[in-house]
């Protein structure tokens, strides 16, 4: 397991890992890996453009979408849904890595 600032998703053995694999396969989806730096930059983007302060793990959804747009897997301008369920306020580590531009 690698070290990450996104503690809530940085687990060695996901509790429902087999279910996640099954659901991604059945939906035609895929997993995307992003760096801590990408997640922190996504936190800044979300906060500055929407006023929403996500925790690092929640920002991973936006970082993954940005990665998919950059690689051409998602067309720029497409409609995409990103679920962000964690607030940066509940996670002190989010506050430590986040600084306003």
PDB file of N, CA and C in Angstrom:
ATOM      1  N   UNK A   1       0.849  -1.174   0.000  1.00  0.00           N
ATOM      2  CA  UNK A   1       0.000   0.000   0.000  1.00  0.00           C
ATOM      3  C   UNK A   1       0.895   1.238   0.000  1.00  0.00           C
ATOM      4  N   UNK A   2       0.549   2.184  -0.855  1.00  0.00           N
ATOM      5  CA  UNK A   2       1.339   3.409  -0.902  1.00  0.00           C
ATOM      6  C   UNK A   2       0.800   4.429   0.092  1.00  0.00           C
ATOM      7  N   UNK A   3       1.648   5.368   0.444  1.00  0.00           N
ATOM      8  CA  UNK A   3       1.266   6.420   1.376  1.00  0.00           C
ATOM      9  C   UNK A   3       0.537   7.524   0.626  1.00  0.00           C
ATOM     10  N   UNK A   4      -0.523   8.048   1.230  1.00  0.00           N
ATOM     11  CA  UNK A   4      -1.287   9.128   0.625  1.00  0.00           C
ATOM     12  C   UNK A   4      -1.859  10.021   1.713  1.00  0.00           C
ATOM     13  N   UNK A   5      -2.082  11.261   1.365  1.00  0.00           N
ATOM     14  CA  UNK A   5      -2.744  12.189   2.278  1.00  0.00           C
ATOM     15  C   UNK A   5      -4.254  11.928   2.323  1.00  0.00           C
ATOM     16  N   UNK A   6      -4.757  11.194   1.350  1.00  0.00           N
ATOM     17  CA  UNK A   6      -6.183  10.863   1.285  1.00  0.00           C
ATOM     18  C   UNK A   6      -6.433   9.589   2.086  1.00  0.00           C
ATOM     19  N   UNK A   7      -6.362   9.727   3.403  1.00  0.00           N
ATOM     20  CA  UNK A   7      -6.429   8.565   4.289  1.00  0.00           C
ATOM     21  C   UNK A   7      -7.698   7.738   4.121  1.00  0.00           C
ATOM     22  N   UNK A   8      -8.820   8.384   3.854  1.00  0.00           N
ATOM     23  CA  UNK A   8     -10.079   7.639   3.798  1.00  0.00           C
ATOM     24  C   UNK A   8     -10.182   6.706   2.587  1.00  0.00           C
ATOM     25  N   UNK A   9      -9.340   6.913   1.572  1.00  0.00           N
ATOM     26  CA  UNK A   9      -9.355   6.001   0.417  1.00  0.00           C
ATOM     27  C   UNK A   9      -8.043   5.243   0.278  1.00  0.00           C
ATOM     28  N   UNK A  10      -7.061   5.545   1.113  1.00  0.00           N
ATOM     29  CA  UNK A  10      -5.769   4.876   1.050  1.00  0.00           C
ATOM     30  C   UNK A  10      -5.733   3.665   1.958  1.00  0.00           C
ATOM     31  N   UNK A  11      -6.457   2.635   1.597  1.00  0.00           N
ATOM     32  CA  UNK A  11      -6.532   1.434   2.428  1.00  0.00           C
ATOM     33  C   UNK A  11      -5.919   0.251   1.686  1.00  0.00           C
ATOM     34  N   UNK A  12      -5.284  -0.623   2.423  1.00  0.00           N
ATOM     35  CA  UNK A  12      -4.662  -1.795   1.825  1.00  0.00           C
ATOM     36  C   UNK A  12      -5.665  -2.834   1.360  1.00  0.00           C
ATOM     37  N   UNK A  13      -6.706  -3.035   2.156  1.00  0.00           N
ATOM     38  CA  UNK A  13      -7.723  -4.026   1.851  1.00  0.00           C
ATOM     39  C   UNK A  13      -9.103  -3.383   1.965  1.00  0.00           C
ATOM     40  N   UNK A  14      -9.648  -2.885   0.843  1.00  0.00           N
ATOM     41  CA  UNK A  14     -10.968  -2.230   0.903  1.00  0.00           C
ATOM     42  C   UNK A  14     -12.023  -3.171   1.464  1.00  0.00           C
ATOM     43  N   UNK A  15     -12.913  -2.627   2.274  1.00  0.00           N
ATOM     44  CA  UNK A  15     -13.940  -3.434   2.929  1.00  0.00           C
ATOM     45  C   UNK A  15     -14.841  -4.142   1.926  1.00  0.00           C
ATOM     46  N   UNK A  16     -15.187  -3.471   0.855  1.00  0.00           N
ATOM     47  CA  UNK A  16     -16.049  -4.067  -0.174  1.00  0.00           C
ATOM     48  C   UNK A  16     -15.333  -4.093  -1.526  1.00  0.00           C
ATOM     49  N   UNK A  17     -14.060  -4.453  -1.495  1.00  0.00           N
ATOM     50  CA  UNK A  17     -13.251  -4.460  -2.706  1.00  0.00           C
ATOM     51  C   UNK A  17     -13.795  -5.339  -3.820  1.00  0.00           C
ATOM     52  N   UNK A  18     -14.218  -6.553  -3.480  1.00  0.00           N
ATOM     53  CA  UNK A  18     -14.751  -7.454  -4.513  1.00  0.00           C
ATOM     54  C   UNK A  18     -16.041  -6.903  -5.114  1.00  0.00           C
ATOM     55  N   UNK A  19     -16.874  -6.297  -4.276  1.00  0.00           N
ATOM     56  CA  UNK A  19     -18.107  -5.682  -4.773  1.00  0.00           C
ATOM     57  C   UNK A  19     -17.772  -4.520  -5.717  1.00  0.00           C
ATOM     58  N   UNK A  20     -16.786  -3.714  -5.353  1.00  0.00           N
ATOM     59  CA  UNK A  20     -16.380  -2.590  -6.201  1.00  0.00           C
ATOM     60  C   UNK A  20     -15.866  -3.093  -7.550  1.00  0.00           C
ATOM     61  N   UNK A  21     -15.027  -4.116  -7.529  1.00  0.00           N
ATOM     62  CA  UNK A  21     -14.524  -4.693  -8.777  1.00  0.00           C
ATOM     63  C   UNK A  21     -15.663  -5.204  -9.653  1.00  0.00           C
ATOM     64  N   UNK A  22     -16.594  -5.901  -9.038  1.00  0.00           N
ATOM     65  CA  UNK A  22     -17.739  -6.433  -9.774  1.00  0.00           C
ATOM     66  C   UNK A  22     -18.564  -5.310 -10.395  1.00  0.00           C
ATOM     67  N   UNK A  23     -18.856  -4.289  -9.606  1.00  0.00           N
ATOM     68  CA  UNK A  23     -19.707  -3.201 -10.086  1.00  0.00           C
ATOM     69  C   UNK A  23     -19.037  -2.382 -11.180  1.00  0.00           C
ATOM     70  N   UNK A  24     -17.740  -2.150 -11.050  1.00  0.00           N
ATOM     71  CA  UNK A  24     -17.022  -1.416 -12.101  1.00  0.00           C
ATOM     72  C   UNK A  24     -17.025  -2.234 -13.388  1.00  0.00           C
ATOM     73  N   UNK A  25     -16.777  -3.520 -13.272  1.00  0.00           N
ATOM     74  CA  UNK A  25     -16.775  -4.389 -14.454  1.00  0.00           C
ATOM     75  C   UNK A  25     -18.163  -4.426 -15.099  1.00  0.00           C
ATOM     76  N   UNK A  26     -19.208  -4.615 -14.296  1.00  0.00           N
ATOM     77  CA  UNK A  26     -20.569  -4.718 -14.827  1.00  0.00           C
ATOM     78  C   UNK A  26     -21.078  -3.422 -15.441  1.00  0.00           C
ATOM     79  N   UNK A  27     -20.563  -2.295 -14.970  1.00  0.00           N
ATOM     80  CA  UNK A  27     -21.030  -1.007 -15.489  1.00  0.00           C
ATOM     81  C   UNK A  27     -20.217  -0.528 -16.685  1.00  0.00           C
ATOM     82  N   UNK A  28     -19.143  -1.250 -17.010  1.00  0.00           N
ATOM     83  CA  UNK A  28     -18.277  -0.801 -18.085  1.00  0.00           C
ATOM     84  C   UNK A  28     -17.344   0.322 -17.652  1.00  0.00           C
ATOM     85  N   UNK A  29     -17.251   0.531 -16.356  1.00  0.00           N
ATOM     86  CA  UNK A  29     -16.409   1.606 -15.822  1.00  0.00           C
ATOM     87  C   UNK A  29     -14.976   1.155 -15.649  1.00  0.00           C
ATOM     88  N   UNK A  30     -14.209   1.982 -14.974  1.00  0.00           N
ATOM     89  CA  UNK A  30     -12.816   1.655 -14.696  1.00  0.00           C
ATOM     90  C   UNK A  30     -12.342   2.476 -13.508  1.00  0.00           C
ATOM     91  N   UNK A  31     -11.210   2.093 -12.959  1.00  0.00           N
ATOM     92  CA  UNK A  31     -10.596   2.813 -11.853  1.00  0.00           C
ATOM     93  C   UNK A  31      -9.567   3.787 -12.413  1.00  0.00           C
ATOM     94  N   UNK A  32      -9.378   4.911 -11.736  1.00  0.00           N
ATOM     95  CA  UNK A  32      -8.381   5.905 -12.122  1.00  0.00           C
ATOM     96  C   UNK A  32      -7.534   6.215 -10.890  1.00  0.00           C
ATOM     97  N   UNK A  33      -6.232   6.230 -11.062  1.00  0.00           N
ATOM     98  CA  UNK A  33      -5.315   6.558  -9.979  1.00  0.00           C
ATOM     99  C   UNK A  33      -4.797   7.980 -10.181  1.00  0.00           C
ATOM    100  N   UNK A  34      -4.818   8.773  -9.109  1.00  0.00           N
ATOM    101  CA  UNK A  34      -4.326  10.146  -9.176  1.00  0.00           C
ATOM    102  C   UNK A  34      -3.379  10.401  -8.004  1.00  0.00           C
ATOM    103  N   UNK A  35      -2.497  11.365  -8.169  1.00  0.00           N
ATOM    104  CA  UNK A  35      -1.511  11.671  -7.138  1.00  0.00           C
ATOM    105  C   UNK A  35      -2.104  12.597  -6.077  1.00  0.00           C
ATOM    106  N   UNK A  36      -1.420  12.666  -4.934  1.00  0.00           N
ATOM    107  CA  UNK A  36      -1.813  13.613  -3.898  1.00  0.00           C
ATOM    108  C   UNK A  36      -1.794  15.037  -4.445  1.00  0.00           C
ATOM    109  N   UNK A  37      -0.776  15.352  -5.233  1.00  0.00           N
ATOM    110  CA  UNK A  37      -0.665  16.695  -5.803  1.00  0.00           C
ATOM    111  C   UNK A  37      -1.861  17.017  -6.690  1.00  0.00           C
ATOM    112  N   UNK A  38      -2.309  16.035  -7.480  1.00  0.00           N
ATOM    113  CA  UNK A  38      -3.490  16.236  -8.330  1.00  0.00           C
ATOM    114  C   UNK A  38      -4.745  16.465  -7.486  1.00  0.00           C
ATOM    115  N   UNK A  39      -4.871  15.718  -6.376  1.00  0.00           N
ATOM    116  CA  UNK A  39      -6.032  15.889  -5.507  1.00  0.00           C
ATOM    117  C   UNK A  39      -6.015  17.251  -4.824  1.00  0.00           C
ATOM    118  N   UNK A  40      -4.838  17.698  -4.392  1.00  0.00           N
ATOM    119  CA  UNK A  40      -4.732  19.009  -3.743  1.00  0.00           C
ATOM    120  C   UNK A  40      -5.065  20.114  -4.732  1.00  0.00           C
ATOM    121  N   UNK A  41      -4.572  19.986  -5.956  1.00  0.00           N
ATOM    122  CA  UNK A  41      -4.897  20.983  -6.979  1.00  0.00           C
ATOM    123  C   UNK A  41      -6.398  20.976  -7.270  1.00  0.00           C
ATOM    124  N   UNK A  42      -7.014  19.799  -7.276  1.00  0.00           N
ATOM    125  CA  UNK A  42      -8.466  19.717  -7.471  1.00  0.00           C
ATOM    126  C   UNK A  42      -9.207  20.373  -6.309  1.00  0.00           C
ATOM    127  N   UNK A  43      -8.697  20.213  -5.084  1.00  0.00           N
ATOM    128  CA  UNK A  43      -9.300  20.896  -3.924  1.00  0.00           C
ATOM    129  C   UNK A  43      -9.313  22.401  -4.145  1.00  0.00           C
ATOM    130  N   UNK A  44      -8.192  22.923  -4.631  1.00  0.00           N
ATOM    131  CA  UNK A  44      -8.090  24.376  -4.874  1.00  0.00           C
ATOM    132  C   UNK A  44      -9.065  24.808  -5.956  1.00  0.00           C
ATOM    133  N   UNK A  45      -9.144  24.039  -7.032  1.00  0.00           N
ATOM    134  CA  UNK A  45     -10.054  24.364  -8.129  1.00  0.00           C
ATOM    135  C   UNK A  45     -11.504  24.371  -7.657  1.00  0.00           C
ATOM    136  N   UNK A  46     -11.900  23.329  -6.953  1.00  0.00           N
ATOM    137  CA  UNK A  46     -13.280  23.224  -6.470  1.00  0.00           C
ATOM    138  C   UNK A  46     -13.599  24.379  -5.525  1.00  0.00           C
ATOM    139  N   UNK A  47     -12.699  24.632  -4.581  1.00  0.00           N
ATOM    140  CA  UNK A  47     -12.928  25.692  -3.591  1.00  0.00           C
ATOM    141  C   UNK A  47     -13.008  27.073  -4.234  1.00  0.00           C
ATOM    142  N   UNK A  48     -12.104  27.353  -5.155  1.00  0.00           N
ATOM    143  CA  UNK A  48     -12.080  28.688  -5.753  1.00  0.00           C
ATOM    144  C   UNK A  48     -13.197  28.903  -6.767  1.00  0.00           C
ATOM    145  N   UNK A  49     -13.697  27.844  -7.371  1.00  0.00           N
ATOM    146  CA  UNK A  49     -14.733  28.017  -8.398  1.00  0.00           C
ATOM    147  C   UNK A  49     -16.150  27.782  -7.890  1.00  0.00           C
ATOM    148  N   UNK A  50     -16.294  27.088  -6.751  1.00  0.00           N
ATOM    149  CA  UNK A  50     -17.643  26.765  -6.271  1.00  0.00           C
ATOM    150  C   UNK A  50     -17.909  27.193  -4.829  1.00  0.00           C
ATOM    151  N   UNK A  51     -16.852  27.399  -4.053  1.00  0.00           N
ATOM    152  CA  UNK A  51     -17.027  27.689  -2.629  1.00  0.00           C
ATOM    153  C   UNK A  51     -17.193  26.438  -1.793  1.00  0.00           C
ATOM    154  N   UNK A  52     -17.123  25.272  -2.407  1.00  0.00           N
ATOM    155  CA  UNK A  52     -17.202  23.996  -1.693  1.00  0.00           C
ATOM    156  C   UNK A  52     -15.789  23.592  -1.305  1.00  0.00           C
ATOM    157  N   UNK A  53     -15.584  23.219  -0.038  1.00  0.00           N
ATOM    158  CA  UNK A  53     -14.273  22.804   0.440  1.00  0.00           C
ATOM    159  C   UNK A  53     -14.286  21.297   0.689  1.00  0.00           C
ATOM    160  N   UNK A  54     -13.866  20.506  -0.306  1.00  0.00           N
ATOM    161  CA  UNK A  54     -13.892  19.056  -0.137  1.00  0.00           C
ATOM    162  C   UNK A  54     -12.668  18.548   0.615  1.00  0.00           C
ATOM    163  N   UNK A  55     -12.801  17.391   1.228  1.00  0.00           N
ATOM    164  CA  UNK A  55     -11.614  16.754   1.791  1.00  0.00           C
ATOM    165  C   UNK A  55     -10.798  16.198   0.623  1.00  0.00           C
ATOM    166  N   UNK A  56      -9.584  15.803   0.908  1.00  0.00           N
ATOM    167  CA  UNK A  56      -8.670  15.351  -0.137  1.00  0.00           C
ATOM    168  C   UNK A  56      -9.262  14.178  -0.921  1.00  0.00           C
ATOM    169  N   UNK A  57      -9.800  13.187  -0.232  1.00  0.00           N
ATOM    170  CA  UNK A  57     -10.340  12.012  -0.918  1.00  0.00           C
ATOM    171  C   UNK A  57     -11.517  12.382  -1.828  1.00  0.00           C
ATOM    172  N   UNK A  58     -12.354  13.301  -1.399  1.00  0.00           N
ATOM    173  CA  UNK A  58     -13.471  13.732  -2.240  1.00  0.00           C
ATOM    174  C   UNK A  58     -12.979  14.436  -3.495  1.00  0.00           C
ATOM    175  N   UNK A  59     -11.895  15.189  -3.371  1.00  0.00           N
ATOM    176  CA  UNK A  59     -11.337  15.886  -4.529  1.00  0.00           C
ATOM    177  C   UNK A  59     -10.748  14.915  -5.548  1.00  0.00           C
ATOM    178  N   UNK A  60     -10.525  13.669  -5.139  1.00  0.00           N
ATOM    179  CA  UNK A  60      -9.983  12.677  -6.074  1.00  0.00           C
ATOM    180  C   UNK A  60     -10.912  12.467  -7.263  1.00  0.00           C
ATOM    181  N   UNK A  61     -12.219  12.643  -7.058  1.00  0.00           N
ATOM    182  CA  UNK A  61     -13.153  12.466  -8.181  1.00  0.00           C
ATOM    183  C   UNK A  61     -12.904  13.508  -9.264  1.00  0.00           C
ATOM    184  N   UNK A  62     -12.662  14.752  -8.862  1.00  0.00           N
ATOM    185  CA  UNK A  62     -12.394  15.813  -9.830  1.00  0.00           C
ATOM    186  C   UNK A  62     -11.025  15.605 -10.466  1.00  0.00           C
ATOM    187  N   UNK A  63     -10.045  15.212  -9.671  1.00  0.00           N
ATOM    188  CA  UNK A  63      -8.708  14.935 -10.215  1.00  0.00           C
ATOM    189  C   UNK A  63      -8.775  13.817 -11.259  1.00  0.00           C
ATOM    190  N   UNK A  64      -9.580  12.800 -10.998  1.00  0.00           N
ATOM    191  CA  UNK A  64      -9.721  11.687 -11.951  1.00  0.00           C
ATOM    192  C   UNK A  64     -10.409  12.154 -13.236  1.00  0.00           C
ATOM    193  N   UNK A  65     -11.413  12.992 -13.108  1.00  0.00           N
ATOM    194  CA  UNK A  65     -12.089  13.532 -14.296  1.00  0.00           C
ATOM    195  C   UNK A  65     -11.106  14.373 -15.116  1.00  0.00           C
ATOM    196  N   UNK A  66     -10.318  15.207 -14.421  1.00  0.00           N
ATOM    197  CA  UNK A  66      -9.316  16.009 -15.127  1.00  0.00           C
ATOM    198  C   UNK A  66      -8.313  15.117 -15.860  1.00  0.00           C
ATOM    199  N   UNK A  67      -7.898  14.033 -15.227  1.00  0.00           N
ATOM    200  CA  UNK A  67      -6.986  13.074 -15.851  1.00  0.00           C
ATOM    201  C   UNK A  67      -7.619  12.469 -17.101  1.00  0.00           C
ATOM    202  N   UNK A  68      -8.883  12.092 -17.006  1.00  0.00           N
ATOM    203  CA  UNK A  68      -9.573  11.496 -18.151  1.00  0.00           C
ATOM    204  C   UNK A  68      -9.776  12.496 -19.290  1.00  0.00           C
ATOM    205  N   UNK A  69      -9.993  13.753 -18.966  1.00  0.00           N
ATOM    206  CA  UNK A  69     -10.101  14.785 -20.013  1.00  0.00           C
ATOM    207  C   UNK A  69      -8.741  14.980 -20.679  1.00  0.00           C
ATOM    208  N   UNK A  70      -7.683  15.065 -19.874  1.00  0.00           N
ATOM    209  CA  UNK A  70      -6.326  15.257 -20.411  1.00  0.00           C
ATOM    210  C   UNK A  70      -5.908  14.114 -21.320  1.00  0.00           C
ATOM    211  N   UNK A  71      -6.294  12.897 -20.966  1.00  0.00           N
ATOM    212  CA  UNK A  71      -5.894  11.724 -21.746  1.00  0.00           C
ATOM    213  C   UNK A  71      -6.836  11.446 -22.913  1.00  0.00           C
ATOM    214  N   UNK A  72      -7.929  12.211 -23.013  1.00  0.00           N
ATOM    215  CA  UNK A  72      -8.860  12.015 -24.113  1.00  0.00           C
ATOM    216  C   UNK A  72      -9.915  10.951 -23.869  1.00  0.00           C
ATOM    217  N   UNK A  73      -9.961  10.375 -22.669  1.00  0.00           N
ATOM    218  CA  UNK A  73     -10.980   9.365 -22.361  1.00  0.00           C
ATOM    219  C   UNK A  73     -12.356   9.992 -22.190  1.00  0.00           C
ATOM    220  N   UNK A  74     -12.369  11.265 -21.775  1.00  0.00           N
ATOM    221  CA  UNK A  74     -13.613  12.036 -21.677  1.00  0.00           C
ATOM    222  C   UNK A  74     -13.437  13.260 -22.562  1.00  0.00           C
ATOM    223  N   UNK A  75     -14.414  13.523 -23.399  1.00  0.00           N
ATOM    224  CA  UNK A  75     -14.361  14.708 -24.250  1.00  0.00           C
ATOM    225  C   UNK A  75     -14.618  15.948 -23.416  1.00  0.00           C
ATOM    226  N   UNK A  76     -13.796  16.992 -23.629  1.00  0.00           N
ATOM    227  CA  UNK A  76     -14.001  18.262 -22.945  1.00  0.00           C
ATOM    228  C   UNK A  76     -15.402  18.763 -23.282  1.00  0.00           C
ATOM    229  N   UNK A  77     -16.145  19.201 -22.289  1.00  0.00           N
ATOM    230  CA  UNK A  77     -17.504  19.684 -22.492  1.00  0.00           C
ATOM    231  C   UNK A  77     -18.572  18.618 -22.273  1.00  0.00           C
ATOM    232  N   UNK A  78     -18.144  17.365 -22.036  1.00  0.00           N
ATOM    233  CA  UNK A  78     -19.103  16.297 -21.751  1.00  0.00           C
ATOM    234  C   UNK A  78     -19.740  16.513 -20.390  1.00  0.00           C
ATOM    235  N   UNK A  79     -20.913  15.961 -20.198  1.00  0.00           N
ATOM    236  CA  UNK A  79     -21.565  15.993 -18.885  1.00  0.00           C
ATOM    237  C   UNK A  79     -21.032  14.841 -18.050  1.00  0.00           C
ATOM    238  N   UNK A  80     -20.602  15.173 -16.833  1.00  0.00           N
ATOM    239  CA  UNK A  80     -20.030  14.185 -15.925  1.00  0.00           C
ATOM    240  C   UNK A  80     -20.544  14.474 -14.527  1.00  0.00           C
ATOM    241  N   UNK A  81     -20.791  13.432 -13.767  1.00  0.00           N
ATOM    242  CA  UNK A  81     -21.207  13.588 -12.368  1.00  0.00           C
ATOM    243  C   UNK A  81     -20.041  13.184 -11.482  1.00  0.00           C
ATOM    244  N   UNK A  82     -19.734  14.031 -10.503  1.00  0.00           N
ATOM    245  CA  UNK A  82     -18.681  13.726  -9.528  1.00  0.00           C
ATOM    246  C   UNK A  82     -19.299  13.744  -8.143  1.00  0.00           C
ATOM    247  N   UNK A  83     -19.171  12.645  -7.426  1.00  0.00           N
ATOM    248  CA  UNK A  83     -19.673  12.581  -6.056  1.00  0.00           C
ATOM    249  C   UNK A  83     -18.565  12.988  -5.101  1.00  0.00           C
ATOM    250  N   UNK A  84     -18.856  13.959  -4.267  1.00  0.00           N
ATOM    251  CA  UNK A  84     -17.914  14.409  -3.242  1.00  0.00           C
ATOM    252  C   UNK A  84     -18.677  14.392  -1.921  1.00  0.00           C
ATOM    253  N   UNK A  85     -18.334  13.444  -1.064  1.00  0.00           N
ATOM    254  CA  UNK A  85     -19.126  13.252   0.149  1.00  0.00           C
ATOM    255  C   UNK A  85     -18.441  13.739   1.414  1.00  0.00           C
ATOM    256  N   UNK A  86     -17.184  14.146   1.326  1.00  0.00           N
ATOM    257  CA  UNK A  86     -16.460  14.544   2.523  1.00  0.00           C
ATOM    258  C   UNK A  86     -16.079  16.008   2.512  1.00  0.00           C
ATOM    259  N   UNK A  87     -16.329  16.682   3.612  1.00  0.00           N
ATOM    260  CA  UNK A  87     -15.979  18.089   3.762  1.00  0.00           C
ATOM    261  C   UNK A  87     -14.553  18.228   4.289  1.00  0.00           C
ATOM    262  N   UNK A  88     -13.819  19.194   3.758  1.00  0.00           N
ATOM    263  CA  UNK A  88     -12.478  19.465   4.232  1.00  0.00           C
ATOM    264  C   UNK A  88     -12.444  19.920   5.675  1.00  0.00           C
ATOM    265  N   UNK A  89     -13.549  20.431   6.151  1.00  0.00           N
ATOM    266  CA  UNK A  89     -13.613  20.915   7.529  1.00  0.00           C
ATOM    267  C   UNK A  89     -13.526  19.758   8.526  1.00  0.00           C
ATOM    268  N   UNK A  90     -14.016  18.582   8.157  1.00  0.00           N
ATOM    269  CA  UNK A  90     -13.988  17.453   9.089  1.00  0.00           C
ATOM    270  C   UNK A  90     -12.632  16.763   9.161  1.00  0.00           C
ATOM    271  N   UNK A  91     -11.736  17.140   8.259  1.00  0.00           N
ATOM    272  CA  UNK A  91     -10.458  16.469   8.165  1.00  0.00           C
ATOM    273  C   UNK A  91      -9.343  17.495   8.327  1.00  0.00           C
ATOM    274  N   UNK A  92      -8.669  17.482   9.453  1.00  0.00           N
ATOM    275  CA  UNK A  92      -7.632  18.480   9.709  1.00  0.00           C
ATOM    276  C   UNK A  92      -6.491  18.381   8.715  1.00  0.00           C
ATOM    277  N   UNK A  93      -6.262  17.203   8.159  1.00  0.00           N
ATOM    278  CA  UNK A  93      -5.197  17.059   7.176  1.00  0.00           C
ATOM    279  C   UNK A  93      -5.523  17.843   5.902  1.00  0.00           C
ATOM    280  N   UNK A  94      -6.813  17.979   5.576  1.00  0.00           N
ATOM    281  CA  UNK A  94      -7.198  18.793   4.435  1.00  0.00           C
ATOM    282  C   UNK A  94      -6.785  20.235   4.654  1.00  0.00           C
ATOM    283  N   UNK A  95      -6.948  20.714   5.865  1.00  0.00           N
ATOM    284  CA  UNK A  95      -6.587  22.085   6.188  1.00  0.00           C
ATOM    285  C   UNK A  95      -5.072  22.285   6.101  1.00  0.00           C
ATOM    286  N   UNK A  96      -4.306  21.267   6.470  1.00  0.00           N
ATOM    287  CA  UNK A  96      -2.852  21.371   6.467  1.00  0.00           C
ATOM    288  C   UNK A  96      -2.284  21.486   5.058  1.00  0.00           C
ATOM    289  N   UNK A  97      -2.865  20.805   4.089  1.00  0.00           N
ATOM    290  CA  UNK A  97      -2.308  20.803   2.739  1.00  0.00           C
ATOM    291  C   UNK A  97      -2.899  21.889   1.862  1.00  0.00           C
ATOM    292  N   UNK A  98      -3.975  22.491   2.300  1.00  0.00           N
ATOM    293  CA  UNK A  98      -4.681  23.463   1.475  1.00  0.00           C
ATOM    294  C   UNK A  98      -4.268  24.890   1.811  1.00  0.00           C
ATOM    295  N   UNK A  99      -3.884  25.615   0.806  1.00  0.00           N
ATOM    296  CA  UNK A  99      -3.648  27.046   0.953  1.00  0.00           C
ATOM    297  C   UNK A  99      -4.304  27.735  -0.219  1.00  0.00           C
ATOM    298  N   UNK A 100      -4.921  28.854   0.021  1.00  0.00           N
ATOM    299  CA  UNK A 100      -5.579  29.588  -1.050  1.00  0.00           C
ATOM    300  C   UNK A 100      -4.539  30.178  -1.985  1.00  0.00           C
ATOM    301  N   UNK A 101      -4.824  30.187  -3.277  1.00  0.00           N
ATOM    302  CA  UNK A 101      -3.878  30.755  -4.250  1.00  0.00           C
ATOM    303  C   UNK A 101      -3.768  32.257  -4.088  1.00  0.00           C
TER     304      UNK A 101
END
